[in-house]
Amino acid sequence: MPESPSRSRLFVDVLLYAGARLLLIALLTGVIYGGGRLFGIHEFPVMIALLFAIVLGLPLGIWLFAPLRRRATAGIAAFDEQRRTDREQLQARLRGDKDA
């Protein structure tokens, strides 16, 4: 089955949203770690900075990347609807319905 443009677009949208969220976590980790060193905490573990960045980045990413999230969600919904329609048509053909 050839890949439709909407399917490839869905993949790009989801990848962009996930990448943006990961980039935000990396940026926040750097800011938190750098801020700790700037305030004189030279033994500040990177793992602690990463955990704080994840906690801060989860709600911040939802708010900052809302357009990307909405576009990815709309693509997923359209893809799911197409799958549902295809499945219903296949089941109708398997039952022997002539209208399918």
C-alpha atoms as a PDB file:
ATOM      1  CA  MET A   1       0.000   0.000   0.000  1.00  0.00           C
ATOM      2  CA  PRO A   2       1.605   3.330  -1.022  1.00  0.00           C
ATOM      3  CA  GLU A   3       1.987   5.939   1.625  1.00  0.00           C
ATOM      4  CA  SER A   4      -0.462   8.819   1.293  1.00  0.00           C
ATOM      5  CA  PRO A   5       0.632  12.449   1.710  1.00  0.00           C
ATOM      6  CA  SER A   6      -1.553  12.784   4.814  1.00  0.00           C
ATOM      7  CA  ARG A   7       0.205   9.806   6.399  1.00  0.00           C
ATOM      8  CA  SER A   8       3.659  11.271   5.780  1.00  0.00           C
ATOM      9  CA  ARG A   9       2.438  14.666   6.984  1.00  0.00           C
ATOM     10  CA  LEU A  10       1.131  13.028  10.156  1.00  0.00           C
ATOM     11  CA  PHE A  11       4.550  11.486  10.755  1.00  0.00           C
ATOM     12  CA  VAL A  12       6.257  14.864  10.270  1.00  0.00           C
ATOM     13  CA  ASP A  13       3.801  16.645  12.584  1.00  0.00           C
ATOM     14  CA  VAL A  14       4.206  14.093  15.379  1.00  0.00           C
ATOM     15  CA  LEU A  15       7.986  14.098  14.946  1.00  0.00           C
ATOM     16  CA  LEU A  16       8.101  17.908  15.072  1.00  0.00           C
ATOM     17  CA  TYR A  17       6.024  18.020  18.250  1.00  0.00           C
ATOM     18  CA  ALA A  18       8.094  15.324  19.978  1.00  0.00           C
ATOM     19  CA  GLY A  19      11.334  16.974  18.860  1.00  0.00           C
ATOM     20  CA  ALA A  20      10.215  20.372  20.103  1.00  0.00           C
ATOM     21  CA  ARG A  21       9.333  18.887  23.508  1.00  0.00           C
ATOM     22  CA  LEU A  22      12.716  17.130  23.756  1.00  0.00           C
ATOM     23  CA  LEU A  23      14.539  20.288  22.703  1.00  0.00           C
ATOM     24  CA  LEU A  24      12.684  22.231  25.401  1.00  0.00           C
ATOM     25  CA  ILE A  25      13.768  19.672  28.023  1.00  0.00           C
ATOM     26  CA  ALA A  26      17.388  19.918  26.846  1.00  0.00           C
ATOM     27  CA  LEU A  27      17.264  23.726  26.926  1.00  0.00           C
ATOM     28  CA  LEU A  28      15.729  23.787  30.412  1.00  0.00           C
ATOM     29  CA  THR A  29      18.319  21.288  31.645  1.00  0.00           C
ATOM     30  CA  GLY A  30      21.106  23.555  30.414  1.00  0.00           C
ATOM     31  CA  VAL A  31      19.535  26.640  31.972  1.00  0.00           C
ATOM     32  CA  ILE A  32      18.981  24.926  35.332  1.00  0.00           C
ATOM     33  CA  TYR A  33      22.463  23.402  35.390  1.00  0.00           C
ATOM     34  CA  GLY A  34      24.097  26.661  34.269  1.00  0.00           C
ATOM     35  CA  GLY A  35      22.067  28.615  36.821  1.00  0.00           C
ATOM     36  CA  GLY A  36      23.235  26.296  39.577  1.00  0.00           C
ATOM     37  CA  ARG A  37      26.859  26.768  38.581  1.00  0.00           C
ATOM     38  CA  LEU A  38      26.330  30.503  38.269  1.00  0.00           C
ATOM     39  CA  PHE A  39      25.076  30.639  41.850  1.00  0.00           C
ATOM     40  CA  GLY A  40      28.176  28.804  43.024  1.00  0.00           C
ATOM     41  CA  ILE A  41      26.836  25.240  43.286  1.00  0.00           C
ATOM     42  CA  HIS A  42      29.722  23.482  41.540  1.00  0.00           C
ATOM     43  CA  GLU A  43      28.658  19.965  42.510  1.00  0.00           C
ATOM     44  CA  PHE A  44      25.149  20.259  41.083  1.00  0.00           C
ATOM     45  CA  PRO A  45      24.281  16.914  39.425  1.00  0.00           C
ATOM     46  CA  VAL A  46      23.130  17.044  35.812  1.00  0.00           C
ATOM     47  CA  MET A  47      20.546  14.346  36.581  1.00  0.00           C
ATOM     48  CA  ILE A  48      18.846  16.622  39.112  1.00  0.00           C
ATOM     49  CA  ALA A  49      18.793  19.425  36.546  1.00  0.00           C
ATOM     50  CA  LEU A  50      17.264  16.993  34.020  1.00  0.00           C
ATOM     51  CA  LEU A  51      14.563  15.887  36.459  1.00  0.00           C
ATOM     52  CA  PHE A  52      13.639  19.485  37.254  1.00  0.00           C
ATOM     53  CA  ALA A  53      13.598  20.249  33.516  1.00  0.00           C
ATOM     54  CA  ILE A  54      11.204  17.367  32.863  1.00  0.00           C
ATOM     55  CA  VAL A  55       8.872  18.511  35.636  1.00  0.00           C
ATOM     56  CA  LEU A  56       8.904  22.093  34.331  1.00  0.00           C
ATOM     57  CA  GLY A  57       8.904  21.125  30.664  1.00  0.00           C
ATOM     58  CA  LEU A  58       5.788  18.951  30.701  1.00  0.00           C
ATOM     59  CA  PRO A  59       3.234  21.714  31.320  1.00  0.00           C
ATOM     60  CA  LEU A  60       5.360  24.379  29.627  1.00  0.00           C
ATOM     61  CA  GLY A  61       5.617  22.316  26.438  1.00  0.00           C
ATOM     62  CA  ILE A  62       1.868  21.788  26.279  1.00  0.00           C
ATOM     63  CA  TRP A  63       1.350  25.539  26.504  1.00  0.00           C
ATOM     64  CA  LEU A  64       4.221  26.654  24.236  1.00  0.00           C
ATOM     65  CA  PHE A  65       3.682  24.099  21.484  1.00  0.00           C
ATOM     66  CA  ALA A  66      -0.135  24.129  21.397  1.00  0.00           C
ATOM     67  CA  PRO A  67      -0.334  24.741  17.616  1.00  0.00           C
ATOM     68  CA  LEU A  68       1.997  21.809  16.923  1.00  0.00           C
ATOM     69  CA  ARG A  69       0.026  19.607  19.321  1.00  0.00           C
ATOM     70  CA  ARG A  70      -3.307  20.533  17.738  1.00  0.00           C
ATOM     71  CA  ARG A  71      -1.969  19.845  14.239  1.00  0.00           C
ATOM     72  CA  ALA A  72      -0.572  16.455  15.279  1.00  0.00           C
ATOM     73  CA  THR A  73      -3.796  15.551  17.102  1.00  0.00           C
ATOM     74  CA  ALA A  74      -5.909  16.515  14.082  1.00  0.00           C
ATOM     75  CA  GLY A  75      -3.720  14.371  11.836  1.00  0.00           C
ATOM     76  CA  ILE A  76      -4.015  11.410  14.179  1.00  0.00           C
ATOM     77  CA  ALA A  77      -7.806  11.810  14.313  1.00  0.00           C
ATOM     78  CA  ALA A  78      -8.060  11.959  10.498  1.00  0.00           C
ATOM     79  CA  PHE A  79      -5.838   8.892  10.126  1.00  0.00           C
ATOM     80  CA  ASP A  80      -7.894   7.010  12.710  1.00  0.00           C
ATOM     81  CA  GLU A  81     -11.143   7.921  10.941  1.00  0.00           C
ATOM     82  CA  GLN A  82      -9.745   6.689   7.620  1.00  0.00           C
ATOM     83  CA  ARG A  83      -8.714   3.390   9.239  1.00  0.00           C
ATOM     84  CA  ARG A  84     -12.179   2.997  10.753  1.00  0.00           C
ATOM     85  CA  THR A  85     -13.840   3.620   7.373  1.00  0.00           C
ATOM     86  CA  ASP A  86     -11.515   1.149   5.627  1.00  0.00           C
ATOM     87  CA  ARG A  87     -12.200  -1.490   8.287  1.00  0.00           C
ATOM     88  CA  GLU A  88     -15.972  -1.040   7.978  1.00  0.00           C
ATOM     89  CA  GLN A  89     -15.762  -1.378   4.184  1.00  0.00           C
ATOM     90  CA  LEU A  90     -13.664  -4.529   4.487  1.00  0.00           C
ATOM     91  CA  GLN A  91     -16.093  -6.070   6.975  1.00  0.00           C
ATOM     92  CA  ALA A  92     -19.011  -5.236   4.686  1.00  0.00           C
ATOM     93  CA  ARG A  93     -17.262  -6.943   1.754  1.00  0.00           C
ATOM     94  CA  LEU A  94     -16.482  -9.985   3.893  1.00  0.00           C
ATOM     95  CA  ARG A  95     -20.168 -10.222   4.855  1.00  0.00           C
ATOM     96  CA  GLY A  96     -21.057 -10.111   1.180  1.00  0.00           C
ATOM     97  CA  ASP A  97     -22.809  -6.744   1.144  1.00  0.00           C
ATOM     98  CA  LYS A  98     -23.087  -5.533  -2.442  1.00  0.00           C
ATOM     99  CA  ASP A  99     -23.214  -1.844  -1.478  1.00  0.00           C
ATOM    100  CA  ALA A 100     -19.701  -1.861  -0.012  1.00  0.00           C
END
